[in-house]
Amino acid sequence: MRIVSLLPAATEWICEFGGGAELVGRSHECDYPPEVQEVPVVTEATYDAEGDSAAIDDAVQSHLQDGLSLYQVDLERVQSLEPDLIVTQDQCEVCAVRRSDLEARLADWAGPDVDLVSMRPQTLKEVLDEALRLGRRLDRLNEAMQTIGNLETGLQALRNQMGVDRDTNPQALPSVACIEWVEPLMVAGHWMPDVVEMAGGRAVLGTAGEPTRRVDWEALRAADPDVLAIMPCGFSIDETERDLHYLTERDGWDELSAVQAGRVALLDGNAYFNRPGPRLYRAIEVLASVVHPSIDPQPAPAAWERQWTSQNPRPV
């Protein structure tokens, strides 16, 4: 099979299932695992992705208001790769090439039929369902089931370490706000509230299965979470640290309980939390080390995975 993946999470699942050698094309954002760097790139962003959070949001919103696509597909190159399968998404027009855009570009393709698979997970369960569906289409369902089974086993061991199970009262768990963009302020939805739950926390402001949304600063102040997990979409920790002033300069930042307790963490949103791929399980481990600092996930979170904005919190 010859596969073109236009979705980073799909690329990771394909490789995790042992199908990396079948990848013949990828999006410019598909950067993991490292070996995919050798696979030809067939997309590019049509907006200016440089600058800080505010500048990027302005560029994205300007494109969307003008009815423009955020990504360009090099259809000639895709055709030259002769794929049997193209994987994309129809969940978020900001995250990757949309199915509708791709279908429009492929409409005039006079070549052989190409199977188009579009992924659209909204919750953590749907992330796994979509991964299994992809595995089945790749004729690698057994590998997919084994991969997910191993990941689930590791997750259960983590939850045992935290002493959290389905009978635990959610109100007894630390409240967590997951910041997915800092300017404008956005709180993560989709699978992230489920990730928070699996990490032994209770998500506030964001709702599982619903899109990430803008929130007023006063709404965050009113929620006053025990933990602030800052994971802007597509950003590394260094990029997040650069833009942190959009939060720290707001009125009342120093009064937030999470700030006063030293429980504000910067996390790598690009690698883990924003991608509904196999590394969501590592995301849960890293977030669990923020929500429950006394646990000891292995390997311990590296500096590029997690950084505290102040002194390390006391184990609780």
C-alpha atoms as a PDB file:
ATOM      1  CA  MET A   1       0.000   0.000   0.000  1.00  0.00           C
ATOM      2  CA  ARG A   2       1.138   3.539  -0.781  1.00  0.00           C
ATOM      3  CA  ILE A   3      -0.031   6.101   1.788  1.00  0.00           C
ATOM      4  CA  VAL A   4      -0.054   9.901   1.855  1.00  0.00           C
ATOM      5  CA  SER A   5      -0.785  11.232   5.346  1.00  0.00           C
ATOM      6  CA  LEU A   6      -1.843  14.861   5.727  1.00  0.00           C
ATOM      7  CA  LEU A   7      -2.430  14.574   9.469  1.00  0.00           C
ATOM      8  CA  PRO A   8       0.418  14.342  12.026  1.00  0.00           C
ATOM      9  CA  ALA A   9      -1.584  12.148  14.414  1.00  0.00           C
ATOM     10  CA  ALA A  10      -2.411   9.713  11.599  1.00  0.00           C
ATOM     11  CA  THR A  11       1.254   9.583  10.591  1.00  0.00           C
ATOM     12  CA  GLU A  12       2.161   8.628  14.147  1.00  0.00           C
ATOM     13  CA  TRP A  13      -0.505   5.910  14.320  1.00  0.00           C
ATOM     14  CA  ILE A  14       0.566   4.504  10.947  1.00  0.00           C
ATOM     15  CA  CYS A  15       4.169   4.241  12.098  1.00  0.00           C
ATOM     16  CA  GLU A  16       3.135   2.842  15.482  1.00  0.00           C
ATOM     17  CA  PHE A  17       1.224   0.099  13.668  1.00  0.00           C
ATOM     18  CA  GLY A  18       4.295  -0.789  11.608  1.00  0.00           C
ATOM     19  CA  GLY A  19       3.224   0.912   8.388  1.00  0.00           C
ATOM     20  CA  GLY A  20       5.907   3.585   8.191  1.00  0.00           C
ATOM     21  CA  ALA A  21       7.558   2.014   5.152  1.00  0.00           C
ATOM     22  CA  GLU A  22       4.289   2.469   3.231  1.00  0.00           C
ATOM     23  CA  LEU A  23       4.282   6.263   3.687  1.00  0.00           C
ATOM     24  CA  VAL A  24       5.130   7.951   0.401  1.00  0.00           C
ATOM     25  CA  GLY A  25       3.974  11.486   1.260  1.00  0.00           C
ATOM     26  CA  ARG A  26       3.279  13.629   4.317  1.00  0.00           C
ATOM     27  CA  SER A  27       2.173  17.077   5.393  1.00  0.00           C
ATOM     28  CA  HIS A  28       4.716  19.721   6.366  1.00  0.00           C
ATOM     29  CA  GLU A  29       3.579  19.296   9.986  1.00  0.00           C
ATOM     30  CA  CYS A  30       4.186  15.524  10.131  1.00  0.00           C
ATOM     31  CA  ASP A  31       7.466  15.518  12.054  1.00  0.00           C
ATOM     32  CA  TYR A  32       7.311  12.379  14.202  1.00  0.00           C
ATOM     33  CA  PRO A  33       8.691   9.756  14.408  1.00  0.00           C
ATOM     34  CA  PRO A  34      12.023  11.139  13.165  1.00  0.00           C
ATOM     35  CA  GLU A  35      12.265   8.761  10.214  1.00  0.00           C
ATOM     36  CA  VAL A  36       9.293  10.419   8.487  1.00  0.00           C
ATOM     37  CA  GLN A  37      11.531  13.414   7.823  1.00  0.00           C
ATOM     38  CA  GLU A  38      12.753  11.484   4.769  1.00  0.00           C
ATOM     39  CA  VAL A  39       9.217  11.239   3.324  1.00  0.00           C
ATOM     40  CA  PRO A  40       8.305  13.843   0.658  1.00  0.00           C
ATOM     41  CA  VAL A  41       6.249  16.852   1.848  1.00  0.00           C
ATOM     42  CA  VAL A  42       3.098  17.651  -0.140  1.00  0.00           C
ATOM     43  CA  THR A  43       1.537  20.575   1.765  1.00  0.00           C
ATOM     44  CA  GLU A  44       2.401  24.046   2.983  1.00  0.00           C
ATOM     45  CA  ALA A  45       0.690  26.725   5.041  1.00  0.00           C
ATOM     46  CA  THR A  46      -0.876  29.612   3.114  1.00  0.00           C
ATOM     47  CA  TYR A  47      -0.769  32.014   6.071  1.00  0.00           C
ATOM     48  CA  ASP A  48       2.134  33.502   7.990  1.00  0.00           C
ATOM     49  CA  ALA A  49       2.790  31.004  10.769  1.00  0.00           C
ATOM     50  CA  GLU A  50       5.597  33.106  12.247  1.00  0.00           C
ATOM     51  CA  GLY A  51       5.188  35.545  15.107  1.00  0.00           C
ATOM     52  CA  ASP A  52       3.600  35.231  18.497  1.00  0.00           C
ATOM     53  CA  SER A  53       0.160  33.980  19.542  1.00  0.00           C
ATOM     54  CA  ALA A  54      -1.668  37.201  18.708  1.00  0.00           C
ATOM     55  CA  ALA A  55      -0.013  37.567  15.296  1.00  0.00           C
ATOM     56  CA  ILE A  56      -0.735  33.976  14.303  1.00  0.00           C
ATOM     57  CA  ASP A  57      -4.368  34.255  15.379  1.00  0.00           C
ATOM     58  CA  ASP A  58      -4.748  37.464  13.365  1.00  0.00           C
ATOM     59  CA  ALA A  59      -3.310  35.767  10.265  1.00  0.00           C
ATOM     60  CA  VAL A  60      -5.533  32.700  10.662  1.00  0.00           C
ATOM     61  CA  GLN A  61      -8.709  34.696  11.271  1.00  0.00           C
ATOM     62  CA  SER A  62      -7.987  36.958   8.293  1.00  0.00           C
ATOM     63  CA  HIS A  63      -7.665  33.938   5.998  1.00  0.00           C
ATOM     64  CA  LEU A  64     -10.816  32.311   7.334  1.00  0.00           C
ATOM     65  CA  GLN A  65     -12.854  35.502   7.022  1.00  0.00           C
ATOM     66  CA  ASP A  66     -11.778  35.774   3.388  1.00  0.00           C
ATOM     67  CA  GLY A  67     -12.892  32.178   2.782  1.00  0.00           C
ATOM     68  CA  LEU A  68      -9.347  31.008   2.111  1.00  0.00           C
ATOM     69  CA  SER A  69      -7.899  27.622   2.960  1.00  0.00           C
ATOM     70  CA  LEU A  70      -5.074  27.629   5.488  1.00  0.00           C
ATOM     71  CA  TYR A  71      -3.140  24.922   3.630  1.00  0.00           C
ATOM     72  CA  GLN A  72      -2.099  24.281   0.056  1.00  0.00           C
ATOM     73  CA  VAL A  73      -1.797  20.747  -1.305  1.00  0.00           C
ATOM     74  CA  ASP A  74       0.718  20.085  -4.068  1.00  0.00           C
ATOM     75  CA  LEU A  75      -1.667  17.925  -6.048  1.00  0.00           C
ATOM     76  CA  GLU A  76       0.799  17.280  -8.851  1.00  0.00           C
ATOM     77  CA  ARG A  77       3.262  15.847  -6.381  1.00  0.00           C
ATOM     78  CA  VAL A  78       0.544  13.789  -4.707  1.00  0.00           C
ATOM     79  CA  GLN A  79      -0.426  12.359  -8.096  1.00  0.00           C
ATOM     80  CA  SER A  80       3.182  11.536  -8.897  1.00  0.00           C
ATOM     81  CA  LEU A  81       3.404   9.506  -5.678  1.00  0.00           C
ATOM     82  CA  GLU A  82       0.527   7.268  -6.900  1.00  0.00           C
ATOM     83  CA  PRO A  83      -1.054   6.738  -3.467  1.00  0.00           C
ATOM     84  CA  ASP A  84      -3.662   4.095  -2.744  1.00  0.00           C
ATOM     85  CA  LEU A  85      -4.740   5.884   0.422  1.00  0.00           C
ATOM     86  CA  ILE A  86      -4.791   9.523   1.548  1.00  0.00           C
ATOM     87  CA  VAL A  87      -5.462  10.312   5.203  1.00  0.00           C
ATOM     88  CA  THR A  88      -6.760  13.718   6.271  1.00  0.00           C
ATOM     89  CA  GLN A  89      -9.239  15.195   8.780  1.00  0.00           C
ATOM     90  CA  ASP A  90     -12.498  17.124   8.884  1.00  0.00           C
ATOM     91  CA  GLN A  91     -12.379  18.159  12.517  1.00  0.00           C
ATOM     92  CA  CYS A  92     -10.545  21.491  12.588  1.00  0.00           C
ATOM     93  CA  GLU A  93      -9.858  23.833   9.683  1.00  0.00           C
ATOM     94  CA  VAL A  94      -6.883  25.269  11.539  1.00  0.00           C
ATOM     95  CA  CYS A  95      -5.115  21.990  12.381  1.00  0.00           C
ATOM     96  CA  ALA A  96      -4.589  20.340   8.985  1.00  0.00           C
ATOM     97  CA  VAL A  97      -5.908  20.040   5.446  1.00  0.00           C
ATOM     98  CA  ARG A  98      -9.705  19.742   5.478  1.00  0.00           C
ATOM     99  CA  ARG A  99     -11.427  16.866   3.730  1.00  0.00           C
ATOM    100  CA  SER A 100     -13.626  19.271   1.764  1.00  0.00           C
ATOM    101  CA  ASP A 101     -10.590  21.155   0.439  1.00  0.00           C
ATOM    102  CA  LEU A 102      -8.886  17.924  -0.546  1.00  0.00           C
ATOM    103  CA  GLU A 103     -11.974  16.548  -2.267  1.00  0.00           C
ATOM    104  CA  ALA A 104     -12.245  19.751  -4.267  1.00  0.00           C
ATOM    105  CA  ARG A 105      -8.630  19.432  -5.371  1.00  0.00           C
ATOM    106  CA  LEU A 106      -9.017  15.743  -6.243  1.00  0.00           C
ATOM    107  CA  ALA A 107     -12.251  16.231  -8.205  1.00  0.00           C
ATOM    108  CA  ASP A 108     -10.405  16.677 -11.504  1.00  0.00           C
ATOM    109  CA  TRP A 109      -7.916  13.908 -10.888  1.00  0.00           C
ATOM    110  CA  ALA A 110      -8.168  11.624 -13.903  1.00  0.00           C
ATOM    111  CA  GLY A 111      -5.963   8.936 -12.355  1.00  0.00           C
ATOM    112  CA  PRO A 112      -6.970   5.727 -10.588  1.00  0.00           C
ATOM    113  CA  ASP A 113      -9.356   5.778  -7.664  1.00  0.00           C
ATOM    114  CA  VAL A 114      -7.755   6.748  -4.389  1.00  0.00           C
ATOM    115  CA  ASP A 115      -9.276   5.878  -1.035  1.00  0.00           C
ATOM    116  CA  LEU A 116      -9.718   8.930   1.196  1.00  0.00           C
ATOM    117  CA  VAL A 117      -9.872   8.388   4.952  1.00  0.00           C
ATOM    118  CA  SER A 118     -10.836  11.326   7.151  1.00  0.00           C
ATOM    119  CA  MET A 119     -10.344  11.266  10.915  1.00  0.00           C
ATOM    120  CA  ARG A 120     -12.528  13.280  13.283  1.00  0.00           C
ATOM    121  CA  PRO A 121     -12.153  12.234  16.928  1.00  0.00           C
ATOM    122  CA  GLN A 122     -13.894  14.413  19.508  1.00  0.00           C
ATOM    123  CA  THR A 123     -13.202  12.460  22.705  1.00  0.00           C
ATOM    124  CA  LEU A 124     -10.447  10.173  23.968  1.00  0.00           C
ATOM    125  CA  LYS A 125     -12.597   7.119  23.240  1.00  0.00           C
ATOM    126  CA  GLU A 126     -13.120   8.347  19.686  1.00  0.00           C
ATOM    127  CA  VAL A 127      -9.364   8.827  19.316  1.00  0.00           C
ATOM    128  CA  LEU A 128      -8.980   5.095  19.951  1.00  0.00           C
ATOM    129  CA  ASP A 129     -11.950   4.206  17.759  1.00  0.00           C
ATOM    130  CA  GLU A 130     -10.491   6.216  14.884  1.00  0.00           C
ATOM    131  CA  ALA A 131      -7.083   4.608  15.382  1.00  0.00           C
ATOM    132  CA  LEU A 132      -8.636   1.153  15.145  1.00  0.00           C
ATOM    133  CA  ARG A 133     -10.569   2.196  12.039  1.00  0.00           C
ATOM    134  CA  LEU A 134      -7.325   3.370  10.470  1.00  0.00           C
ATOM    135  CA  GLY A 135      -5.590   0.155  11.489  1.00  0.00           C
ATOM    136  CA  ARG A 136      -8.343  -1.864   9.823  1.00  0.00           C
ATOM    137  CA  ARG A 137      -8.017   0.143   6.604  1.00  0.00           C
ATOM    138  CA  LEU A 138      -4.259  -0.486   6.640  1.00  0.00           C
ATOM    139  CA  ASP A 139      -4.853  -4.236   7.084  1.00  0.00           C
ATOM    140  CA  ARG A 140      -3.054  -3.872  10.409  1.00  0.00           C
ATOM    141  CA  LEU A 141      -5.950  -4.292  12.824  1.00  0.00           C
ATOM    142  CA  ASN A 142      -4.100  -6.849  14.964  1.00  0.00           C
ATOM    143  CA  GLU A 143      -1.135  -4.507  15.297  1.00  0.00           C
ATOM    144  CA  ALA A 144      -3.481  -1.648  16.145  1.00  0.00           C
ATOM    145  CA  MET A 145      -5.271  -3.654  18.827  1.00  0.00           C
ATOM    146  CA  GLN A 146      -1.979  -4.779  20.357  1.00  0.00           C
ATOM    147  CA  THR A 147      -0.589  -1.239  20.343  1.00  0.00           C
ATOM    148  CA  ILE A 148      -3.653   0.219  22.044  1.00  0.00           C
ATOM    149  CA  GLY A 149      -3.791  -2.689  24.500  1.00  0.00           C
ATOM    150  CA  ASN A 150      -0.201  -2.012  25.570  1.00  0.00           C
ATOM    151  CA  LEU A 151      -0.895   1.707  25.948  1.00  0.00           C
ATOM    152  CA  GLU A 152      -4.002   1.002  28.030  1.00  0.00           C
ATOM    153  CA  THR A 153      -2.034  -1.346  30.295  1.00  0.00           C
ATOM    154  CA  GLY A 154       0.485   1.413  30.969  1.00  0.00           C
ATOM    155  CA  LEU A 155      -2.327   3.869  31.680  1.00  0.00           C
ATOM    156  CA  GLN A 156      -3.910   1.523  34.199  1.00  0.00           C
ATOM    157  CA  ALA A 157      -0.586   1.181  36.014  1.00  0.00           C
ATOM    158  CA  LEU A 158      -0.352   4.977  36.194  1.00  0.00           C
ATOM    159  CA  ARG A 159      -3.855   5.314  37.609  1.00  0.00           C
ATOM    160  CA  ASN A 160      -3.079   2.642  40.185  1.00  0.00           C
ATOM    161  CA  GLN A 161      -0.040   4.667  41.218  1.00  0.00           C
ATOM    162  CA  MET A 162      -2.234   7.755  41.633  1.00  0.00           C
ATOM    163  CA  GLY A 163      -4.865   5.777  43.572  1.00  0.00           C
ATOM    164  CA  VAL A 164      -7.585   7.000  41.199  1.00  0.00           C
ATOM    165  CA  ASP A 165     -10.293   4.796  39.729  1.00  0.00           C
ATOM    166  CA  ARG A 166     -13.839   5.081  38.389  1.00  0.00           C
ATOM    167  CA  ASP A 167     -15.235   5.196  41.920  1.00  0.00           C
ATOM    168  CA  THR A 168     -13.210   8.265  42.869  1.00  0.00           C
ATOM    169  CA  ASN A 169     -15.365  11.336  43.505  1.00  0.00           C
ATOM    170  CA  PRO A 170     -14.428  13.844  40.751  1.00  0.00           C
ATOM    171  CA  GLN A 171     -15.036  16.746  43.108  1.00  0.00           C
ATOM    172  CA  ALA A 172     -12.220  15.448  45.297  1.00  0.00           C
ATOM    173  CA  LEU A 173      -9.704  15.741  42.444  1.00  0.00           C
ATOM    174  CA  PRO A 174      -7.615  18.852  41.694  1.00  0.00           C
ATOM    175  CA  SER A 175      -9.305  21.207  39.236  1.00  0.00           C
ATOM    176  CA  VAL A 176      -7.325  21.774  36.043  1.00  0.00           C
ATOM    177  CA  ALA A 177      -7.617  24.431  33.332  1.00  0.00           C
ATOM    178  CA  CYS A 178      -5.885  23.511  30.062  1.00  0.00           C
ATOM    179  CA  ILE A 179      -4.900  26.638  28.148  1.00  0.00           C
ATOM    180  CA  GLU A 180      -4.711  25.882  24.414  1.00  0.00           C
ATOM    181  CA  TRP A 181      -4.019  29.457  23.291  1.00  0.00           C
ATOM    182  CA  VAL A 182      -2.897  32.492  25.261  1.00  0.00           C
ATOM    183  CA  GLU A 183      -3.915  35.434  23.042  1.00  0.00           C
ATOM    184  CA  PRO A 184      -6.808  35.285  22.603  1.00  0.00           C
ATOM    185  CA  LEU A 185      -7.375  33.076  25.622  1.00  0.00           C
ATOM    186  CA  MET A 186      -8.729  29.617  24.734  1.00  0.00           C
ATOM    187  CA  VAL A 187      -9.426  26.568  26.889  1.00  0.00           C
ATOM    188  CA  ALA A 188      -9.008  23.074  25.450  1.00  0.00           C
ATOM    189  CA  GLY A 189     -11.999  20.914  24.601  1.00  0.00           C
ATOM    190  CA  HIS A 190     -12.278  17.771  22.449  1.00  0.00           C
ATOM    191  CA  TRP A 191     -10.314  14.931  24.121  1.00  0.00           C
ATOM    192  CA  MET A 192      -8.431  17.107  26.608  1.00  0.00           C
ATOM    193  CA  PRO A 193     -11.015  16.974  29.436  1.00  0.00           C
ATOM    194  CA  ASP A 194     -10.801  13.171  29.123  1.00  0.00           C
ATOM    195  CA  VAL A 195      -7.010  13.388  29.260  1.00  0.00           C
ATOM    196  CA  VAL A 196      -7.315  15.471  32.430  1.00  0.00           C
ATOM    197  CA  GLU A 197      -9.604  12.843  33.940  1.00  0.00           C
ATOM    198  CA  MET A 198      -7.184  10.035  33.062  1.00  0.00           C
ATOM    199  CA  ALA A 199      -4.387  12.111  34.650  1.00  0.00           C
ATOM    200  CA  GLY A 200      -6.311  12.264  37.912  1.00  0.00           C
ATOM    201  CA  GLY A 201      -7.758  15.749  37.583  1.00  0.00           C
ATOM    202  CA  ARG A 202     -11.072  17.516  37.022  1.00  0.00           C
ATOM    203  CA  ALA A 203     -11.245  19.730  33.936  1.00  0.00           C
ATOM    204  CA  VAL A 204     -12.802  23.169  34.269  1.00  0.00           C
ATOM    205  CA  LEU A 205     -14.138  25.462  31.518  1.00  0.00           C
ATOM    206  CA  GLY A 206     -13.426  22.922  28.737  1.00  0.00           C
ATOM    207  CA  THR A 207     -15.981  20.219  27.880  1.00  0.00           C
ATOM    208  CA  ALA A 208     -15.193  16.765  26.489  1.00  0.00           C
ATOM    209  CA  GLY A 209     -16.377  16.298  22.917  1.00  0.00           C
ATOM    210  CA  GLU A 210     -16.842  20.019  22.308  1.00  0.00           C
ATOM    211  CA  PRO A 211     -14.436  22.312  20.441  1.00  0.00           C
ATOM    212  CA  THR A 212     -11.770  24.396  22.085  1.00  0.00           C
ATOM    213  CA  ARG A 213     -13.311  27.781  22.819  1.00  0.00           C
ATOM    214  CA  ARG A 214     -12.445  31.306  23.740  1.00  0.00           C
ATOM    215  CA  VAL A 215     -13.036  32.324  27.337  1.00  0.00           C
ATOM    216  CA  ASP A 216     -12.953  35.627  29.118  1.00  0.00           C
ATOM    217  CA  TRP A 217     -10.127  36.220  31.529  1.00  0.00           C
ATOM    218  CA  GLU A 218     -12.677  36.821  34.262  1.00  0.00           C
ATOM    219  CA  ALA A 219     -14.149  33.355  33.634  1.00  0.00           C
ATOM    220  CA  LEU A 220     -10.747  31.818  34.309  1.00  0.00           C
ATOM    221  CA  ARG A 221     -10.338  33.936  37.431  1.00  0.00           C
ATOM    222  CA  ALA A 222     -13.761  32.835  38.646  1.00  0.00           C
ATOM    223  CA  ALA A 223     -12.968  29.158  38.023  1.00  0.00           C
ATOM    224  CA  ASP A 224      -9.671  29.647  39.914  1.00  0.00           C
ATOM    225  CA  PRO A 225      -8.277  26.172  39.096  1.00  0.00           C
ATOM    226  CA  ASP A 226      -5.880  24.321  41.357  1.00  0.00           C
ATOM    227  CA  VAL A 227      -3.651  23.636  38.352  1.00  0.00           C
ATOM    228  CA  LEU A 228      -2.935  25.617  35.188  1.00  0.00           C
ATOM    229  CA  ALA A 229      -1.621  23.498  32.310  1.00  0.00           C
ATOM    230  CA  ILE A 230      -0.497  25.765  29.462  1.00  0.00           C
ATOM    231  CA  MET A 231      -0.186  23.898  26.143  1.00  0.00           C
ATOM    232  CA  PRO A 232      -0.792  26.192  23.138  1.00  0.00           C
ATOM    233  CA  CYS A 233      -1.680  24.363  19.932  1.00  0.00           C
ATOM    234  CA  GLY A 234       1.400  23.743  17.800  1.00  0.00           C
ATOM    235  CA  PHE A 235       3.789  25.364  20.293  1.00  0.00           C
ATOM    236  CA  SER A 236       6.895  24.030  21.983  1.00  0.00           C
ATOM    237  CA  ILE A 237       7.618  25.027  25.574  1.00  0.00           C
ATOM    238  CA  ASP A 238      10.119  27.659  24.397  1.00  0.00           C
ATOM    239  CA  GLU A 239       7.454  29.281  22.214  1.00  0.00           C
ATOM    240  CA  THR A 240       4.948  29.150  25.045  1.00  0.00           C
ATOM    241  CA  GLU A 241       7.426  30.753  27.444  1.00  0.00           C
ATOM    242  CA  ARG A 242       7.955  33.552  24.914  1.00  0.00           C
ATOM    243  CA  ASP A 243       4.227  34.360  24.946  1.00  0.00           C
ATOM    244  CA  LEU A 244       3.553  33.755  28.624  1.00  0.00           C
ATOM    245  CA  HIS A 245       3.444  37.500  29.262  1.00  0.00           C
ATOM    246  CA  TYR A 246      -0.043  37.565  27.712  1.00  0.00           C
ATOM    247  CA  LEU A 247      -1.168  35.751  30.873  1.00  0.00           C
ATOM    248  CA  THR A 248       1.212  36.982  33.546  1.00  0.00           C
ATOM    249  CA  GLU A 249       0.514  40.646  32.747  1.00  0.00           C
ATOM    250  CA  ARG A 250      -3.245  40.262  33.204  1.00  0.00           C
ATOM    251  CA  ASP A 251      -4.949  41.726  36.225  1.00  0.00           C
ATOM    252  CA  GLY A 252      -5.181  39.171  39.012  1.00  0.00           C
ATOM    253  CA  TRP A 253      -2.674  36.644  37.641  1.00  0.00           C
ATOM    254  CA  ASP A 254      -0.718  36.586  40.898  1.00  0.00           C
ATOM    255  CA  GLU A 255      -3.945  35.992  42.830  1.00  0.00           C
ATOM    256  CA  LEU A 256      -4.807  32.725  41.088  1.00  0.00           C
ATOM    257  CA  SER A 257      -4.598  29.716  43.402  1.00  0.00           C
ATOM    258  CA  ALA A 258      -2.475  27.768  40.907  1.00  0.00           C
ATOM    259  CA  VAL A 259       0.021  30.633  40.691  1.00  0.00           C
ATOM    260  CA  GLN A 260       0.254  31.071  44.435  1.00  0.00           C
ATOM    261  CA  ALA A 261       0.754  27.330  44.931  1.00  0.00           C
ATOM    262  CA  GLY A 262       3.397  27.089  42.189  1.00  0.00           C
ATOM    263  CA  ARG A 263       1.227  24.730  40.156  1.00  0.00           C
ATOM    264  CA  VAL A 264       1.470  26.345  36.734  1.00  0.00           C
ATOM    265  CA  ALA A 265       3.123  24.124  34.138  1.00  0.00           C
ATOM    266  CA  LEU A 266       4.209  24.744  30.561  1.00  0.00           C
ATOM    267  CA  LEU A 267       3.725  21.646  28.406  1.00  0.00           C
ATOM    268  CA  ASP A 268       4.626  20.715  24.832  1.00  0.00           C
ATOM    269  CA  GLY A 269       1.275  21.063  23.101  1.00  0.00           C
ATOM    270  CA  ASN A 270       2.663  20.373  19.648  1.00  0.00           C
ATOM    271  CA  ALA A 271       4.187  16.990  20.449  1.00  0.00           C
ATOM    272  CA  TYR A 272       1.542  15.607  22.762  1.00  0.00           C
ATOM    273  CA  PHE A 273      -1.655  17.286  23.815  1.00  0.00           C
ATOM    274  CA  ASN A 274      -2.875  18.784  20.530  1.00  0.00           C
ATOM    275  CA  ARG A 275      -2.398  15.586  18.515  1.00  0.00           C
ATOM    276  CA  PRO A 276      -4.899  12.716  18.844  1.00  0.00           C
ATOM    277  CA  GLY A 277      -2.173  10.152  18.293  1.00  0.00           C
ATOM    278  CA  PRO A 278      -0.396   7.459  20.334  1.00  0.00           C
ATOM    279  CA  ARG A 279       1.630  10.043  22.264  1.00  0.00           C
ATOM    280  CA  LEU A 280      -1.551  11.168  24.025  1.00  0.00           C
ATOM    281  CA  TYR A 281      -0.677   8.440  26.506  1.00  0.00           C
ATOM    282  CA  ARG A 282       2.624  10.136  27.239  1.00  0.00           C
ATOM    283  CA  ALA A 283       0.649  13.357  27.520  1.00  0.00           C
ATOM    284  CA  ILE A 284      -1.432  11.750  30.260  1.00  0.00           C
ATOM    285  CA  GLU A 285       1.720  10.705  32.124  1.00  0.00           C
ATOM    286  CA  VAL A 286       3.231  14.181  31.887  1.00  0.00           C
ATOM    287  CA  LEU A 287      -0.008  15.875  32.947  1.00  0.00           C
ATOM    288  CA  ALA A 288      -0.408  13.431  35.828  1.00  0.00           C
ATOM    289  CA  SER A 289       3.006  14.546  37.114  1.00  0.00           C
ATOM    290  CA  VAL A 290       1.614  18.093  37.187  1.00  0.00           C
ATOM    291  CA  VAL A 291      -1.719  17.246  38.796  1.00  0.00           C
ATOM    292  CA  HIS A 292      -0.174  14.788  41.276  1.00  0.00           C
ATOM    293  CA  PRO A 293       3.468  15.873  41.777  1.00  0.00           C
ATOM    294  CA  SER A 294       4.161  12.967  44.132  1.00  0.00           C
ATOM    295  CA  ILE A 295       3.863  10.341  41.384  1.00  0.00           C
ATOM    296  CA  ASP A 296       6.907   9.174  39.482  1.00  0.00           C
ATOM    297  CA  PRO A 297       6.154   8.463  35.803  1.00  0.00           C
ATOM    298  CA  GLN A 298       8.893   6.712  33.887  1.00  0.00           C
ATOM    299  CA  PRO A 299      10.732   8.142  32.153  1.00  0.00           C
ATOM    300  CA  ALA A 300      10.576  11.308  34.222  1.00  0.00           C
ATOM    301  CA  PRO A 301       9.354  14.331  32.221  1.00  0.00           C
ATOM    302  CA  ALA A 302      12.197  16.024  30.371  1.00  0.00           C
ATOM    303  CA  ALA A 303      12.647  19.793  30.292  1.00  0.00           C
ATOM    304  CA  TRP A 304      11.140  19.984  26.793  1.00  0.00           C
ATOM    305  CA  GLU A 305       8.049  18.090  27.993  1.00  0.00           C
ATOM    306  CA  ARG A 306       7.258  19.993  31.196  1.00  0.00           C
ATOM    307  CA  GLN A 307       8.458  23.123  32.931  1.00  0.00           C
ATOM    308  CA  TRP A 308       7.129  24.851  36.036  1.00  0.00           C
ATOM    309  CA  THR A 309       6.738  28.614  35.888  1.00  0.00           C
ATOM    310  CA  SER A 310       7.821  28.944  39.517  1.00  0.00           C
ATOM    311  CA  GLN A 311       9.180  26.735  42.266  1.00  0.00           C
ATOM    312  CA  ASN A 312       8.265  23.091  42.098  1.00  0.00           C
ATOM    313  CA  PRO A 313       5.065  22.375  44.023  1.00  0.00           C
ATOM    314  CA  ARG A 314       5.215  20.307  47.161  1.00  0.00           C
ATOM    315  CA  PRO A 315       4.181  16.667  46.626  1.00  0.00           C
ATOM    316  CA  VAL A 316       0.549  16.156  47.615  1.00  0.00           C
END
